[in-house]
Amino acid sequence: MKAVQYRAIGSRPEVVEIDRPDPGPGEVLLKVTASGLCHSDVFVMEMPEESYTYGLPLTLGHEGAGVVEAVGEGVDPDLVGTGVAVYGPWGCGTCYRCAAGEENYCERATELGIAPPGLGSPGSMAEYMIVDSPRHLVPIGDLDPVQAAALTDAGLTPYHAIKPALPRLVPGSTAVVLGVGGLGHLGIQMIKELSGAQVVALDVTEDKLQLARDVGADHAIMSDEDAAQKVSELTGGRGADLVVDFAGAQATIDLGQQMLGVGGRFSLVGIAGGGPAARVGFFQVPFESEFVVPYWGYRDELFEVLRLARQGRLTVHTEEFAIDDAPAAYDKLWDGTLRGRAVVRL
């Protein structure tokens, strides 16, 4: 079967032929129908050798959707033929966090060597993949698998970042979205659908700002030296009730903190800076403000995200590629020339 793999430190991904896997006890074999590309893939492929821990060769893809092809011993055979999305942040299934459906914060995953697909385990950017447990599959019904695949991260991650802030986002409140890429354009839609807040989107290109307007942002402004003052004017000097940073560079963190209001929440989602830091302390941040670093999302939240999409309230803007063109898609991701989310349709 064809697969897209990262095969050597510092190399570009390649399309290769590998053996089709067979499901073991408790596992599911998925015939992949769509797999999304993510900046996290780039983050992994840019890691220096001394920091790299994901194994080589690595089949990429942690955003996946497909049809159940076969099941291993102990798995309900009636699952065969079901269209599903893959919940990616796999956990042990038995610790306190996993029992609550919070496998993205599994207490034992590192200890047990459990890794997400495409981030340590063979991923979804292949014609077939192994899913370690049927609990990591969410039915998608008649939803386009290209949409479903992207929503498993590009949808779930912003939803997990935004949902806890919804009590703040009453009519008259303001949410700032930094970065209108694969995640940011979905974050804008979620805030508009689920709250009464006005949305102010920032990016560094007019094309991205137009995408923000297209998906419902109330204001789309250039991320420059005047941006903080413009947000202050748009909020009557109060500042933002929520800032979601989908870029994660030092510059965006610094800018976002300037925009945050008293009692506001700053959610750092992006990792473009590879480990930037925020200022915290008296006279550094507004009183009673919060700074949080969420990771991916909960299993029940993926059900909710997919329901929003099936209701027509959430749409991923995608660029589709064939599996043979996946390396070129990654080049566009590296170059920053994608509009929305890149997805390989198989």
Protein backbone atom coordinates (compact mmCIF):
# COMPACT_ATOMS: atom_id res chain seq x y z
CA MET A 1 0.00 0.00 0.00
CA LYS A 2 1.04 3.64 -0.42
CA ALA A 3 2.03 5.69 2.61
CA VAL A 4 3.55 9.12 3.21
CA GLN A 5 6.53 8.81 5.53
CA TYR A 6 9.15 10.91 7.22
CA ARG A 7 12.19 8.68 6.82
CA ALA A 8 15.34 10.56 7.85
CA ILE A 9 16.09 13.53 10.11
CA GLY A 10 15.97 16.75 8.13
CA SER A 11 14.43 15.15 5.02
CA ARG A 12 11.19 15.90 3.23
CA PRO A 13 8.30 13.39 3.41
CA GLU A 14 8.15 10.69 0.75
CA VAL A 15 5.46 8.50 -0.82
CA VAL A 16 6.54 4.88 -0.37
CA GLU A 17 5.15 1.36 -0.71
CA ILE A 18 4.79 -0.59 2.56
CA ASP A 19 2.92 -3.73 3.62
CA ARG A 20 -0.72 -3.47 4.57
CA PRO A 21 -1.10 -4.11 8.31
CA ASP A 22 -3.40 -6.67 9.90
CA PRO A 23 -5.43 -5.86 13.03
CA GLY A 24 -4.40 -7.64 16.21
CA PRO A 25 -6.64 -8.35 19.21
CA GLY A 26 -8.69 -5.30 20.14
CA GLU A 27 -7.57 -3.36 17.05
CA VAL A 28 -9.35 -2.03 13.98
CA LEU A 29 -8.10 -1.86 10.39
CA LEU A 30 -9.27 1.32 8.71
CA LYS A 31 -9.38 1.90 4.97
CA VAL A 32 -8.43 5.57 4.98
CA THR A 33 -10.55 7.93 2.92
CA ALA A 34 -9.02 11.26 4.02
CA SER A 35 -6.03 12.50 6.00
CA GLY A 36 -5.23 16.07 7.01
CA LEU A 37 -1.89 17.88 7.09
CA CYS A 38 -0.96 19.89 10.16
CA HIS A 39 1.72 22.32 11.33
CA SER A 40 2.45 19.79 14.07
CA ASP A 41 3.82 17.53 11.31
CA VAL A 42 6.19 20.30 10.30
CA PHE A 43 7.15 20.85 13.94
CA VAL A 44 8.07 17.15 14.19
CA MET A 45 10.02 17.12 10.91
CA GLU A 46 12.00 20.21 11.93
CA MET A 47 13.12 18.76 15.26
CA PRO A 48 16.88 18.25 15.61
CA GLU A 49 18.12 14.70 15.91
CA GLU A 50 18.94 15.01 19.61
CA SER A 51 15.32 15.98 20.40
CA TYR A 52 13.49 13.65 18.01
CA THR A 53 11.56 10.85 19.75
CA TYR A 54 8.88 9.74 17.26
CA GLY A 55 10.70 6.88 15.55
CA LEU A 56 11.73 6.42 11.91
CA PRO A 57 10.33 5.76 9.44
CA LEU A 58 7.18 7.56 10.59
CA THR A 59 3.94 7.32 8.62
CA LEU A 60 2.48 10.80 8.95
CA GLY A 61 -1.08 11.90 9.58
CA HIS A 62 -2.88 12.45 12.88
CA GLU A 63 -6.09 13.68 11.24
CA GLY A 64 -7.85 10.67 9.75
CA ALA A 65 -11.19 9.38 8.52
CA GLY A 66 -12.11 6.16 6.78
CA VAL A 67 -14.22 3.06 6.62
CA VAL A 68 -13.70 0.09 8.93
CA GLU A 69 -12.20 -2.67 6.77
CA ALA A 70 -11.61 -5.41 9.35
CA VAL A 71 -11.46 -5.91 13.10
CA GLY A 72 -9.26 -7.93 15.39
CA GLU A 73 -10.27 -10.49 17.96
CA GLY A 74 -12.60 -9.10 20.60
CA VAL A 75 -13.94 -6.23 18.47
CA ASP A 76 -17.58 -6.11 17.33
CA PRO A 77 -17.61 -7.30 13.67
CA ASP A 78 -20.67 -5.15 13.01
CA LEU A 79 -18.28 -2.17 12.85
CA VAL A 80 -17.06 -3.31 9.44
CA GLY A 81 -18.29 -0.90 6.77
CA THR A 82 -18.84 2.00 9.18
CA GLY A 83 -17.59 5.46 8.19
CA VAL A 84 -15.62 6.95 11.06
CA ALA A 85 -13.25 9.69 12.17
CA VAL A 86 -10.22 8.84 14.30
CA TYR A 87 -9.87 10.41 17.74
CA GLY A 88 -6.12 10.97 17.76
CA PRO A 89 -4.80 11.59 21.29
CA TRP A 90 -4.76 7.95 22.38
CA GLY A 91 -4.47 7.11 26.06
CA CYS A 92 -4.40 4.01 28.23
CA GLY A 93 -8.17 3.96 28.67
CA THR A 94 -8.02 3.14 32.38
CA CYS A 95 -6.48 6.07 34.29
CA TYR A 96 -8.57 8.81 35.89
CA ARG A 97 -8.23 11.18 32.93
CA CYS A 98 -9.10 8.50 30.38
CA ALA A 99 -12.10 7.40 32.45
CA ALA A 100 -13.39 10.97 32.10
CA GLY A 101 -12.88 10.89 28.31
CA GLU A 102 -9.83 13.15 28.60
CA GLU A 103 -7.37 10.85 26.85
CA ASN A 104 -5.44 13.85 25.55
CA TYR A 105 -4.21 14.21 29.15
CA CYS A 106 -3.68 10.49 29.85
CA GLU A 107 -1.62 10.00 33.00
CA ARG A 108 0.19 6.89 31.74
CA ALA A 109 0.65 7.31 27.99
CA THR A 110 4.35 8.14 28.21
CA GLU A 111 5.01 5.38 30.73
CA LEU A 112 3.26 2.80 28.53
CA GLY A 113 4.73 4.03 25.23
CA ILE A 114 1.33 5.01 23.82
CA ALA A 115 1.58 7.59 21.02
CA PRO A 116 -0.96 9.20 18.70
CA PRO A 117 -1.15 8.15 15.05
CA GLY A 118 1.33 10.13 12.99
CA LEU A 119 3.05 11.32 16.16
CA GLY A 120 4.78 8.10 17.17
CA SER A 121 2.36 5.44 15.90
CA PRO A 122 1.79 4.81 12.17
CA GLY A 123 -0.56 7.52 10.99
CA SER A 124 -3.45 8.05 8.63
CA MET A 125 -1.56 9.27 5.56
CA ALA A 126 -1.67 5.80 4.05
CA GLU A 127 -4.20 3.65 2.27
CA TYR A 128 -4.80 1.67 5.47
CA MET A 129 -4.04 2.27 9.14
CA ILE A 130 -4.39 0.44 12.44
CA VAL A 131 -6.50 2.08 15.15
CA ASP A 132 -5.56 0.69 18.54
CA SER A 133 -9.11 0.55 19.94
CA PRO A 134 -12.67 0.99 18.63
CA ARG A 135 -13.23 3.62 21.35
CA HIS A 136 -11.03 5.91 19.25
CA LEU A 137 -13.52 5.85 16.37
CA VAL A 138 -16.41 8.31 16.05
CA PRO A 139 -19.12 7.66 13.42
CA ILE A 140 -19.40 10.41 10.81
CA GLY A 141 -22.67 9.45 9.12
CA ASP A 142 -22.99 11.20 5.76
CA LEU A 143 -20.35 13.86 6.53
CA ASP A 144 -17.69 14.21 3.81
CA PRO A 145 -14.59 12.39 5.10
CA VAL A 146 -12.39 15.31 4.00
CA GLN A 147 -14.33 17.52 6.40
CA ALA A 148 -14.37 14.87 9.11
CA ALA A 149 -10.64 14.18 8.95
CA ALA A 150 -9.69 17.83 9.32
CA LEU A 151 -12.12 18.29 12.19
CA THR A 152 -10.35 15.65 14.31
CA ASP A 153 -7.62 18.21 15.07
CA ALA A 154 -8.19 21.45 13.19
CA GLY A 155 -11.75 21.43 14.58
CA LEU A 156 -11.30 19.66 17.91
CA THR A 157 -8.31 21.71 19.07
CA PRO A 158 -9.94 25.16 18.73
CA TYR A 159 -13.20 23.81 20.16
CA HIS A 160 -11.34 22.57 23.26
CA ALA A 161 -9.65 25.98 23.57
CA ILE A 162 -12.85 27.99 23.14
CA LYS A 163 -15.50 25.97 24.99
CA PRO A 164 -14.27 26.77 28.56
CA ALA A 165 -14.38 30.48 27.74
CA LEU A 166 -18.00 30.52 26.54
CA PRO A 167 -19.38 31.89 29.87
CA ARG A 168 -17.22 34.98 29.24
CA LEU A 169 -18.45 35.46 25.68
CA VAL A 170 -21.75 37.17 26.41
CA PRO A 171 -23.30 39.77 24.10
CA GLY A 172 -20.99 42.78 24.01
CA SER A 173 -17.87 40.74 24.69
CA THR A 174 -14.88 40.40 22.35
CA ALA A 175 -12.85 37.41 21.21
CA VAL A 176 -9.55 37.91 19.40
CA VAL A 177 -8.26 35.22 17.04
CA LEU A 178 -4.56 35.40 16.21
CA GLY A 179 -3.79 33.48 13.03
CA VAL A 180 -6.42 32.58 10.40
CA GLY A 181 -5.06 29.28 9.14
CA GLY A 182 -6.38 25.74 9.31
CA LEU A 183 -7.41 26.07 12.96
CA GLY A 184 -8.09 29.79 13.19
CA HIS A 185 -10.74 29.93 10.47
CA LEU A 186 -12.64 27.20 12.33
CA GLY A 187 -12.20 28.96 15.67
CA ILE A 188 -13.87 32.05 14.21
CA GLN A 189 -16.88 30.01 13.11
CA MET A 190 -17.19 28.34 16.52
CA ILE A 191 -17.15 31.61 18.44
CA LYS A 192 -19.79 33.09 16.14
CA GLU A 193 -21.99 29.99 16.36
CA LEU A 194 -21.73 29.43 20.11
CA SER A 195 -21.52 32.88 21.65
CA GLY A 196 -22.59 36.49 21.53
CA ALA A 197 -19.05 37.86 21.18
CA GLN A 198 -17.74 40.00 18.40
CA VAL A 199 -14.74 38.37 16.72
CA VAL A 200 -11.63 40.29 15.81
CA ALA A 201 -9.24 38.30 13.61
CA LEU A 202 -5.60 39.16 12.99
CA ASP A 203 -3.09 37.87 10.45
CA VAL A 204 -0.21 39.15 8.35
CA THR A 205 -1.64 38.74 4.83
CA GLU A 206 -4.71 40.17 3.17
CA ASP A 207 -5.63 36.72 1.83
CA LYS A 208 -5.90 35.33 5.38
CA LEU A 209 -7.86 38.38 6.50
CA GLN A 210 -10.31 37.86 3.65
CA LEU A 211 -10.74 34.24 4.74
CA ALA A 212 -11.55 35.56 8.23
CA ARG A 213 -14.24 37.82 6.80
CA ASP A 214 -15.59 34.99 4.65
CA VAL A 215 -16.15 32.77 7.71
CA GLY A 216 -17.81 35.47 9.80
CA ALA A 217 -15.24 37.63 11.60
CA ASP A 218 -16.70 41.01 12.57
CA HIS A 219 -13.34 42.70 12.10
CA ALA A 220 -10.19 41.53 10.30
CA ILE A 221 -7.10 43.63 10.90
CA MET A 222 -3.44 43.38 10.02
CA SER A 223 -1.23 42.03 12.78
CA ASP A 224 1.19 44.94 13.04
CA GLU A 225 2.37 47.63 15.46
CA ASP A 226 -1.05 49.32 15.38
CA ALA A 227 -3.09 46.19 16.07
CA ALA A 228 -3.28 46.48 19.87
CA GLN A 229 -4.54 50.06 19.65
CA LYS A 230 -7.17 49.06 17.10
CA VAL A 231 -8.45 46.28 19.36
CA SER A 232 -8.57 48.74 22.26
CA GLU A 233 -10.71 51.07 20.16
CA LEU A 234 -13.00 48.23 19.06
CA THR A 235 -13.58 47.24 22.71
CA GLY A 236 -14.03 50.72 24.09
CA GLY A 237 -10.74 50.36 25.95
CA ARG A 238 -11.85 47.22 27.85
CA GLY A 239 -9.71 44.72 25.97
CA ALA A 240 -10.59 41.20 24.87
CA ASP A 241 -12.47 38.66 26.98
CA LEU A 242 -10.78 35.85 25.07
CA VAL A 243 -7.58 35.74 23.04
CA VAL A 244 -6.84 32.52 21.16
CA ASP A 245 -3.34 32.38 19.68
CA PHE A 246 -3.24 29.87 16.83
CA ALA A 247 0.27 30.94 15.79
CA GLY A 248 2.21 30.54 19.02
CA ALA A 249 5.16 32.76 18.15
CA GLN A 250 6.71 35.07 20.70
CA ALA A 251 5.44 38.07 18.74
CA THR A 252 1.82 36.87 18.79
CA ILE A 253 1.94 36.02 22.50
CA ASP A 254 3.29 39.48 23.30
CA LEU A 255 0.68 41.11 21.08
CA GLY A 256 -2.18 39.02 22.45
CA GLN A 257 -1.28 39.86 26.04
CA GLN A 258 -1.48 43.56 25.18
CA MET A 259 -5.05 43.00 23.97
CA LEU A 260 -6.34 41.00 26.96
CA GLY A 261 -8.81 42.67 29.31
CA VAL A 262 -9.46 42.31 33.04
CA GLY A 263 -10.77 38.80 33.75
CA GLY A 264 -9.92 37.66 30.24
CA ARG A 265 -8.59 34.31 29.11
CA PHE A 266 -5.56 33.77 26.88
CA SER A 267 -5.46 30.35 25.21
CA LEU A 268 -2.15 29.43 23.57
CA VAL A 269 -2.76 26.82 20.88
CA GLY A 270 -0.01 27.27 18.28
CA ILE A 271 3.60 26.14 18.61
CA ALA A 272 5.26 28.09 15.80
CA GLY A 273 7.86 29.49 18.16
CA GLY A 274 8.88 26.08 19.50
CA GLY A 275 8.57 27.15 23.13
CA PRO A 276 7.86 30.89 23.51
CA ALA A 277 7.01 32.31 26.92
CA ALA A 278 4.34 34.58 28.37
CA ARG A 279 4.74 37.32 30.96
CA VAL A 280 2.89 36.54 34.18
CA GLY A 281 2.76 38.58 37.38
CA PHE A 282 1.54 41.80 38.91
CA PHE A 283 1.60 44.69 36.42
CA GLN A 284 2.37 42.17 33.67
CA VAL A 285 -1.15 40.87 32.99
CA PRO A 286 -4.66 42.22 33.68
CA PHE A 287 -6.17 41.33 37.05
CA GLU A 288 -7.89 37.93 37.26
CA SER A 289 -6.82 37.04 33.73
CA GLU A 290 -5.91 33.46 32.84
CA PHE A 291 -3.21 32.03 30.60
CA VAL A 292 -3.81 28.42 29.54
CA VAL A 293 -2.06 25.95 27.24
CA PRO A 294 -4.67 23.41 26.07
CA TYR A 295 -3.78 20.31 24.08
CA TRP A 296 -6.01 18.76 21.39
CA GLY A 297 -9.41 17.89 22.94
CA TYR A 298 -11.68 15.41 24.71
CA ARG A 299 -13.45 12.47 23.06
CA ASP A 300 -16.93 13.83 23.75
CA GLU A 301 -15.90 17.17 22.25
CA LEU A 302 -15.09 15.45 18.95
CA PHE A 303 -18.68 14.15 18.87
CA GLU A 304 -19.86 17.74 19.39
CA VAL A 305 -17.61 19.17 16.67
CA LEU A 306 -18.78 16.59 14.15
CA ARG A 307 -22.40 17.31 15.06
CA LEU A 308 -21.87 21.01 14.36
CA ALA A 309 -20.46 20.10 10.95
CA ARG A 310 -23.33 17.75 10.14
CA GLN A 311 -25.76 20.53 11.06
CA GLY A 312 -24.06 22.78 8.52
CA ARG A 313 -22.82 25.17 11.22
CA LEU A 314 -19.12 24.48 10.70
CA THR A 315 -17.25 24.17 7.41
CA VAL A 316 -13.57 23.45 6.83
CA HIS A 317 -12.07 25.40 3.94
CA THR A 318 -9.81 22.81 2.34
CA GLU A 319 -7.30 22.28 -0.42
CA GLU A 320 -7.47 18.65 -1.56
CA PHE A 321 -4.54 16.57 -2.77
CA ALA A 322 -4.00 13.01 -3.98
CA ILE A 323 -1.66 10.87 -1.90
CA ASP A 324 1.04 11.09 -4.58
CA ASP A 325 0.92 14.88 -4.24
CA ALA A 326 1.24 14.90 -0.44
CA PRO A 327 4.92 16.00 -0.49
CA ALA A 328 3.93 19.01 -2.60
CA ALA A 329 1.13 19.76 -0.14
CA TYR A 330 3.67 19.74 2.69
CA ASP A 331 5.80 22.18 0.67
CA LYS A 332 2.83 24.55 0.57
CA LEU A 333 2.38 24.09 4.32
CA TRP A 334 6.05 24.93 4.87
CA ASP A 335 5.80 27.96 2.59
CA GLY A 336 2.63 29.27 4.24
CA THR A 337 0.72 29.38 0.95
CA LEU A 338 -2.23 27.16 1.95
CA ARG A 339 -5.68 28.69 2.36
CA GLY A 340 -7.47 26.75 5.07
CA ARG A 341 -6.57 23.09 5.65
CA ALA A 342 -4.73 20.73 3.31
CA VAL A 343 -6.31 17.27 3.14
CA VAL A 344 -5.28 14.16 1.20
CA ARG A 345 -8.31 12.37 -0.23
CA LEU A 346 -7.75 8.66 -0.79
